[in-house]
Amino acid sequence: MSTGFKVLSLTDRAADRIKAIMADADRPIAGLRVGVRNGGCAGMSYTMEYAEGAKPGEDVVEDRGVRVFVDPKAVLFLLGTEMDFTTNKLASQFVFNNPNQTSACGCGESVAITPVSEDRMPARA
């Protein structure tokens, strides 16, 4: 399923890193699956895994030559999010710049996210 708006977008760095990871996979990969799950000290964590194809109800985002499958339970939590990949002296990691995030724990592993309400949903094309 695809909506008329993008649930999330990718920076060039994120797209390049996803392409590199997919090229090194040990099986054919159609894209990356992104979602959220309950857990961590702030309440939620982002999830990512290889995707061999879309599951029923998933939004499919194609951005910068990369296909991202968004878990239907995560759409309202991820709407408007930009996915980036950063490298510094201590870590290389994917970062979610999420306008719906209200706080994060000190370790950076979990976040508090408020889902988008229907009155804030963008119009579908």
Protein backbone atom coordinates (compact mmCIF):
# COMPACT_ATOMS: atom_id res chain seq x y z
CA MET A 1 0.00 0.00 0.00
CA SER A 2 1.29 3.43 -0.77
CA THR A 3 -0.14 6.70 0.48
CA GLY A 4 -0.08 9.96 -1.45
CA PHE A 5 2.59 11.38 0.87
CA LYS A 6 5.98 10.20 2.02
CA VAL A 7 6.03 8.87 5.53
CA LEU A 8 9.77 9.44 5.70
CA SER A 9 12.62 10.70 3.58
CA LEU A 10 16.31 9.81 3.34
CA THR A 11 19.41 11.95 3.23
CA ASP A 12 22.05 11.12 0.64
CA ARG A 13 24.24 9.64 3.41
CA ALA A 14 21.46 7.32 4.60
CA ALA A 15 20.64 6.19 1.06
CA ASP A 16 24.31 5.52 0.27
CA ARG A 17 24.75 3.48 3.48
CA ILE A 18 21.59 1.44 2.84
CA LYS A 19 22.77 0.70 -0.72
CA ALA A 20 26.14 -0.46 0.63
CA ILE A 21 24.52 -2.69 3.26
CA MET A 22 22.15 -4.20 0.69
CA ALA A 23 25.04 -4.89 -1.69
CA ASP A 24 26.77 -6.92 1.05
CA ALA A 25 23.66 -8.94 2.00
CA ASP A 26 23.86 -12.70 1.67
CA ARG A 27 20.46 -12.93 -0.06
CA PRO A 28 18.41 -10.77 -2.46
CA ILE A 29 17.03 -7.75 -0.61
CA ALA A 30 14.22 -5.55 -1.92
CA GLY A 31 14.78 -2.80 0.62
CA LEU A 32 14.82 -1.87 4.27
CA ARG A 33 11.90 -2.31 6.67
CA VAL A 34 11.53 0.43 9.30
CA GLY A 35 9.24 0.48 12.29
CA VAL A 36 8.98 1.24 15.98
CA ARG A 37 8.52 -1.04 18.97
CA ASN A 38 7.72 -0.55 22.61
CA GLY A 39 10.73 -0.75 24.89
CA GLY A 40 13.71 1.09 26.28
CA CYS A 41 13.84 3.64 29.04
CA ALA A 42 12.06 6.36 27.02
CA GLY A 43 9.28 4.10 25.77
CA MET A 44 9.97 3.25 22.10
CA SER A 45 12.81 2.18 19.83
CA TYR A 46 13.24 2.38 16.08
CA THR A 47 13.58 -0.94 14.26
CA MET A 48 15.27 -1.76 10.97
CA GLU A 49 15.67 -5.03 9.11
CA TYR A 50 16.20 -6.38 5.62
CA ALA A 51 13.02 -6.70 3.59
CA GLU A 52 12.56 -9.21 0.80
CA GLY A 53 9.30 -7.53 -0.22
CA ALA A 54 6.31 -5.61 1.07
CA LYS A 55 4.01 -7.05 3.70
CA PRO A 56 0.25 -6.37 3.56
CA GLY A 57 -0.62 -2.82 4.59
CA GLU A 58 2.93 -1.44 4.48
CA ASP A 59 3.71 1.94 3.01
CA VAL A 60 6.48 1.76 0.42
CA VAL A 61 8.76 4.78 0.22
CA GLU A 62 11.16 5.10 -2.70
CA ASP A 63 13.73 7.84 -2.14
CA ARG A 64 17.21 8.39 -3.62
CA GLY A 65 17.26 4.96 -5.25
CA VAL A 66 16.33 3.09 -2.06
CA ARG A 67 13.09 1.33 -1.19
CA VAL A 68 11.91 1.52 2.43
CA PHE A 69 8.97 -0.50 3.72
CA VAL A 70 7.21 1.14 6.67
CA ASP A 71 5.40 -1.04 9.18
CA PRO A 72 1.74 0.07 9.18
CA LYS A 73 1.77 0.33 12.99
CA ALA A 74 4.62 2.87 12.73
CA VAL A 75 3.23 5.27 10.12
CA LEU A 76 1.67 7.76 12.56
CA PHE A 77 4.87 7.74 14.65
CA LEU A 78 7.21 8.26 11.67
CA LEU A 79 5.25 10.75 9.54
CA GLY A 80 7.60 13.55 8.47
CA THR A 81 10.77 11.79 9.66
CA GLU A 82 14.11 12.22 7.89
CA MET A 83 16.47 9.26 8.15
CA ASP A 84 20.17 10.17 8.15
CA PHE A 85 23.46 8.31 8.65
CA THR A 86 26.11 9.95 10.80
CA THR A 87 29.70 9.14 11.64
CA ASN A 88 31.72 10.64 14.48
CA LYS A 89 34.70 9.59 16.58
CA LEU A 90 32.63 7.17 18.66
CA ALA A 91 29.98 5.73 16.34
CA SER A 92 28.49 5.33 12.90
CA GLN A 93 24.73 5.05 13.02
CA PHE A 94 21.39 5.75 11.42
CA VAL A 95 19.65 8.74 13.00
CA PHE A 96 15.93 9.49 12.79
CA ASN A 97 15.17 13.22 12.74
CA ASN A 98 11.56 12.83 13.80
CA PRO A 99 9.28 15.85 14.37
CA ASN A 100 6.99 13.61 16.44
CA GLN A 101 9.72 12.70 18.94
CA THR A 102 9.12 14.39 22.28
CA SER A 103 12.17 13.12 24.20
CA ALA A 104 15.00 10.59 24.15
CA CYS A 105 16.90 8.68 26.79
CA GLY A 106 20.46 9.59 27.65
CA CYS A 107 21.95 6.59 25.87
CA GLY A 108 20.13 7.44 22.63
CA GLU A 109 18.66 3.95 22.23
CA SER A 110 15.02 4.80 22.91
CA VAL A 111 12.67 7.71 22.35
CA ALA A 112 9.25 9.01 23.28
CA ILE A 113 7.11 9.62 20.19
CA THR A 114 3.64 11.13 19.95
CA PRO A 115 1.67 9.78 16.99
CA VAL A 116 0.36 12.27 14.45
CA SER A 117 -3.31 13.00 15.00
CA GLU A 118 -5.72 12.84 12.07
CA ASP A 119 -6.12 16.63 12.03
CA ARG A 120 -2.34 16.96 11.42
CA MET A 121 -2.23 14.34 8.61
CA PRO A 122 -1.20 15.72 5.22
CA ALA A 123 -3.77 15.47 2.44
CA ARG A 124 -3.41 12.41 0.24
CA ALA A 125 -2.69 12.93 -3.42
